[in-house]
């Protein structure tokens, strides 16, 4: 999964879908922009 120049709010929506989990963020960071890649990383509890 490549994420490029997305707000944290958009990142969380995609992660929620990919991992079928609910991620929560602080409102103060929801508009920060992020770019990163996730490669074969399972979500561990």
PDB file of N, CA and C in Angstrom:
ATOM      1  N   UNK A   1       0.857  -1.167   0.000  1.00  0.00           N
ATOM      2  CA  UNK A   1       0.000   0.000   0.000  1.00  0.00           C
ATOM      3  C   UNK A   1       0.898   1.222   0.000  1.00  0.00           C
ATOM      4  N   UNK A   2       0.715   2.055  -1.008  1.00  0.00           N
ATOM      5  CA  UNK A   2       1.442   3.317  -1.098  1.00  0.00           C
ATOM      6  C   UNK A   2       0.490   4.450  -0.772  1.00  0.00           C
ATOM      7  N   UNK A   3       0.889   5.251   0.156  1.00  0.00           N
ATOM      8  CA  UNK A   3       0.091   6.416   0.529  1.00  0.00           C
ATOM      9  C   UNK A   3       0.952   7.647   0.294  1.00  0.00           C
ATOM     10  N   UNK A   4       0.437   8.557  -0.503  1.00  0.00           N
ATOM     11  CA  UNK A   4       1.216   9.724  -0.884  1.00  0.00           C
ATOM     12  C   UNK A   4       0.435  11.004  -0.645  1.00  0.00           C
ATOM     13  N   UNK A   5       1.012  11.847   0.198  1.00  0.00           N
ATOM     14  CA  UNK A   5       0.477  13.186   0.431  1.00  0.00           C
ATOM     15  C   UNK A   5      -1.003  13.167   0.833  1.00  0.00           C
ATOM     16  N   UNK A   6      -1.332  12.292   1.767  1.00  0.00           N
ATOM     17  CA  UNK A   6      -2.704  12.188   2.266  1.00  0.00           C
ATOM     18  C   UNK A   6      -2.791  12.761   3.671  1.00  0.00           C
ATOM     19  N   UNK A   7      -3.943  13.294   3.988  1.00  0.00           N
ATOM     20  CA  UNK A   7      -4.143  13.742   5.366  1.00  0.00           C
ATOM     21  C   UNK A   7      -4.239  12.517   6.273  1.00  0.00           C
ATOM     22  N   UNK A   8      -3.982  12.707   7.527  1.00  0.00           N
ATOM     23  CA  UNK A   8      -4.080  11.598   8.470  1.00  0.00           C
ATOM     24  C   UNK A   8      -5.494  11.033   8.474  1.00  0.00           C
ATOM     25  N   UNK A   9      -6.465  11.878   8.301  1.00  0.00           N
ATOM     26  CA  UNK A   9      -7.851  11.426   8.238  1.00  0.00           C
ATOM     27  C   UNK A   9      -8.051  10.453   7.063  1.00  0.00           C
ATOM     28  N   UNK A  10      -7.469  10.760   5.908  1.00  0.00           N
ATOM     29  CA  UNK A  10      -7.559   9.872   4.741  1.00  0.00           C
ATOM     30  C   UNK A  10      -6.775   8.580   4.968  1.00  0.00           C
ATOM     31  N   UNK A  11      -5.607   8.696   5.585  1.00  0.00           N
ATOM     32  CA  UNK A  11      -4.793   7.519   5.892  1.00  0.00           C
ATOM     33  C   UNK A  11      -5.576   6.563   6.785  1.00  0.00           C
ATOM     34  N   UNK A  12      -6.192   7.092   7.814  1.00  0.00           N
ATOM     35  CA  UNK A  12      -6.949   6.262   8.753  1.00  0.00           C
ATOM     36  C   UNK A  12      -8.112   5.563   8.052  1.00  0.00           C
ATOM     37  N   UNK A  13      -8.787   6.234   7.169  1.00  0.00           N
ATOM     38  CA  UNK A  13      -9.887   5.598   6.432  1.00  0.00           C
ATOM     39  C   UNK A  13      -9.373   4.410   5.620  1.00  0.00           C
ATOM     40  N   UNK A  14      -8.232   4.568   4.985  1.00  0.00           N
ATOM     41  CA  UNK A  14      -7.665   3.468   4.193  1.00  0.00           C
ATOM     42  C   UNK A  14      -7.187   2.323   5.079  1.00  0.00           C
ATOM     43  N   UNK A  15      -6.577   2.656   6.208  1.00  0.00           N
ATOM     44  CA  UNK A  15      -6.131   1.607   7.128  1.00  0.00           C
ATOM     45  C   UNK A  15      -7.316   0.862   7.730  1.00  0.00           C
ATOM     46  N   UNK A  16      -8.369   1.581   8.035  1.00  0.00           N
ATOM     47  CA  UNK A  16      -9.587   0.936   8.548  1.00  0.00           C
ATOM     48  C   UNK A  16     -10.078  -0.120   7.567  1.00  0.00           C
ATOM     49  N   UNK A  17     -10.074   0.222   6.301  1.00  0.00           N
ATOM     50  CA  UNK A  17     -10.538  -0.703   5.263  1.00  0.00           C
ATOM     51  C   UNK A  17      -9.566  -1.866   5.082  1.00  0.00           C
ATOM     52  N   UNK A  18      -8.293  -1.567   4.994  1.00  0.00           N
ATOM     53  CA  UNK A  18      -7.288  -2.616   4.742  1.00  0.00           C
ATOM     54  C   UNK A  18      -7.241  -3.649   5.854  1.00  0.00           C
ATOM     55  N   UNK A  19      -7.263  -3.200   7.097  1.00  0.00           N
ATOM     56  CA  UNK A  19      -7.094  -4.105   8.230  1.00  0.00           C
ATOM     57  C   UNK A  19      -8.399  -4.458   8.931  1.00  0.00           C
ATOM     58  N   UNK A  20      -9.492  -3.933   8.441  1.00  0.00           N
ATOM     59  CA  UNK A  20     -10.798  -4.202   9.045  1.00  0.00           C
ATOM     60  C   UNK A  20     -10.784  -3.907  10.552  1.00  0.00           C
ATOM     61  N   UNK A  21     -10.173  -2.791  10.885  1.00  0.00           N
ATOM     62  CA  UNK A  21     -10.061  -2.335  12.270  1.00  0.00           C
ATOM     63  C   UNK A  21     -10.429  -0.861  12.318  1.00  0.00           C
ATOM     64  N   UNK A  22     -10.774  -0.414  13.509  1.00  0.00           N
ATOM     65  CA  UNK A  22     -11.078   1.006  13.682  1.00  0.00           C
ATOM     66  C   UNK A  22      -9.876   1.694  14.318  1.00  0.00           C
ATOM     67  N   UNK A  23      -9.289   2.605  13.576  1.00  0.00           N
ATOM     68  CA  UNK A  23      -8.182   3.406  14.076  1.00  0.00           C
ATOM     69  C   UNK A  23      -8.735   4.764  14.478  1.00  0.00           C
ATOM     70  N   UNK A  24      -8.226   5.294  15.552  1.00  0.00           N
ATOM     71  CA  UNK A  24      -8.668   6.610  16.018  1.00  0.00           C
ATOM     72  C   UNK A  24      -7.472   7.547  16.067  1.00  0.00           C
ATOM     73  N   UNK A  25      -7.726   8.791  15.739  1.00  0.00           N
ATOM     74  CA  UNK A  25      -6.672   9.804  15.781  1.00  0.00           C
ATOM     75  C   UNK A  25      -7.157  11.009  16.570  1.00  0.00           C
ATOM     76  N   UNK A  26      -6.209  11.758  17.038  1.00  0.00           N
ATOM     77  CA  UNK A  26      -6.523  13.008  17.720  1.00  0.00           C
ATOM     78  C   UNK A  26      -6.952  14.038  16.679  1.00  0.00           C
ATOM     79  N   UNK A  27      -7.969  14.803  16.960  1.00  0.00           N
ATOM     80  CA  UNK A  27      -8.419  15.821  15.999  1.00  0.00           C
ATOM     81  C   UNK A  27      -7.309  16.800  15.587  1.00  0.00           C
ATOM     82  N   UNK A  28      -6.370  17.033  16.468  1.00  0.00           N
ATOM     83  CA  UNK A  28      -5.314  18.006  16.174  1.00  0.00           C
ATOM     84  C   UNK A  28      -4.367  17.558  15.059  1.00  0.00           C
ATOM     85  N   UNK A  29      -4.348  16.264  14.703  1.00  0.00           N
ATOM     86  CA  UNK A  29      -3.441  15.777  13.656  1.00  0.00           C
ATOM     87  C   UNK A  29      -4.164  15.348  12.379  1.00  0.00           C
ATOM     88  N   UNK A  30      -5.461  15.482  12.347  1.00  0.00           N
ATOM     89  CA  UNK A  30      -6.233  14.949  11.209  1.00  0.00           C
ATOM     90  C   UNK A  30      -5.901  15.612   9.879  1.00  0.00           C
ATOM     91  N   UNK A  31      -5.388  16.840   9.892  1.00  0.00           N
ATOM     92  CA  UNK A  31      -5.074  17.533   8.642  1.00  0.00           C
ATOM     93  C   UNK A  31      -3.595  17.487   8.266  1.00  0.00           C
ATOM     94  N   UNK A  32      -2.760  16.850   9.084  1.00  0.00           N
ATOM     95  CA  UNK A  32      -1.347  16.704   8.737  1.00  0.00           C
ATOM     96  C   UNK A  32      -1.240  15.787   7.528  1.00  0.00           C
ATOM     97  N   UNK A  33      -0.279  16.035   6.656  1.00  0.00           N
ATOM     98  CA  UNK A  33      -0.094  15.225   5.442  1.00  0.00           C
ATOM     99  C   UNK A  33       1.019  14.197   5.663  1.00  0.00           C
ATOM    100  N   UNK A  34       0.803  12.998   5.109  1.00  0.00           N
ATOM    101  CA  UNK A  34       1.753  11.898   5.260  1.00  0.00           C
ATOM    102  C   UNK A  34       1.981  11.205   3.930  1.00  0.00           C
ATOM    103  N   UNK A  35       3.188  10.652   3.789  1.00  0.00           N
ATOM    104  CA  UNK A  35       3.545   9.819   2.650  1.00  0.00           C
ATOM    105  C   UNK A  35       4.335   8.640   3.202  1.00  0.00           C
ATOM    106  N   UNK A  36       3.905   7.416   2.863  1.00  0.00           N
ATOM    107  CA  UNK A  36       4.648   6.226   3.272  1.00  0.00           C
ATOM    108  C   UNK A  36       4.150   5.010   2.512  1.00  0.00           C
ATOM    109  N   UNK A  37       4.900   3.908   2.651  1.00  0.00           N
ATOM    110  CA  UNK A  37       4.564   2.649   1.993  1.00  0.00           C
ATOM    111  C   UNK A  37       4.489   1.554   3.042  1.00  0.00           C
ATOM    112  N   UNK A  38       3.495   0.694   2.913  1.00  0.00           N
ATOM    113  CA  UNK A  38       3.360  -0.480   3.776  1.00  0.00           C
ATOM    114  C   UNK A  38       3.547  -1.694   2.872  1.00  0.00           C
ATOM    115  N   UNK A  39       4.512  -2.551   3.225  1.00  0.00           N
ATOM    116  CA  UNK A  39       4.776  -3.749   2.425  1.00  0.00           C
ATOM    117  C   UNK A  39       4.597  -4.987   3.294  1.00  0.00           C
ATOM    118  N   UNK A  40       3.626  -5.785   2.961  1.00  0.00           N
ATOM    119  CA  UNK A  40       3.421  -7.077   3.620  1.00  0.00           C
ATOM    120  C   UNK A  40       3.505  -7.003   5.138  1.00  0.00           C
ATOM    121  N   UNK A  41       2.867  -6.036   5.697  1.00  0.00           N
ATOM    122  CA  UNK A  41       2.879  -5.849   7.139  1.00  0.00           C
ATOM    123  C   UNK A  41       1.528  -6.225   7.725  1.00  0.00           C
ATOM    124  N   UNK A  42       1.427  -7.394   8.338  1.00  0.00           N
ATOM    125  CA  UNK A  42       0.161  -7.746   8.993  1.00  0.00           C
ATOM    126  C   UNK A  42      -0.024  -6.916  10.258  1.00  0.00           C
ATOM    127  N   UNK A  43      -1.237  -6.779  10.644  1.00  0.00           N
ATOM    128  CA  UNK A  43      -1.552  -6.048  11.864  1.00  0.00           C
ATOM    129  C   UNK A  43      -1.612  -7.043  13.016  1.00  0.00           C
ATOM    130  N   UNK A  44      -0.772  -6.841  14.013  1.00  0.00           N
ATOM    131  CA  UNK A  44      -0.758  -7.720  15.187  1.00  0.00           C
ATOM    132  C   UNK A  44      -1.424  -7.014  16.347  1.00  0.00           C
ATOM    133  N   UNK A  45      -2.132  -7.766  17.125  1.00  0.00           N
ATOM    134  CA  UNK A  45      -2.797  -7.176  18.296  1.00  0.00           C
ATOM    135  C   UNK A  45      -1.817  -6.950  19.410  1.00  0.00           C
TER     136      UNK A  45
END
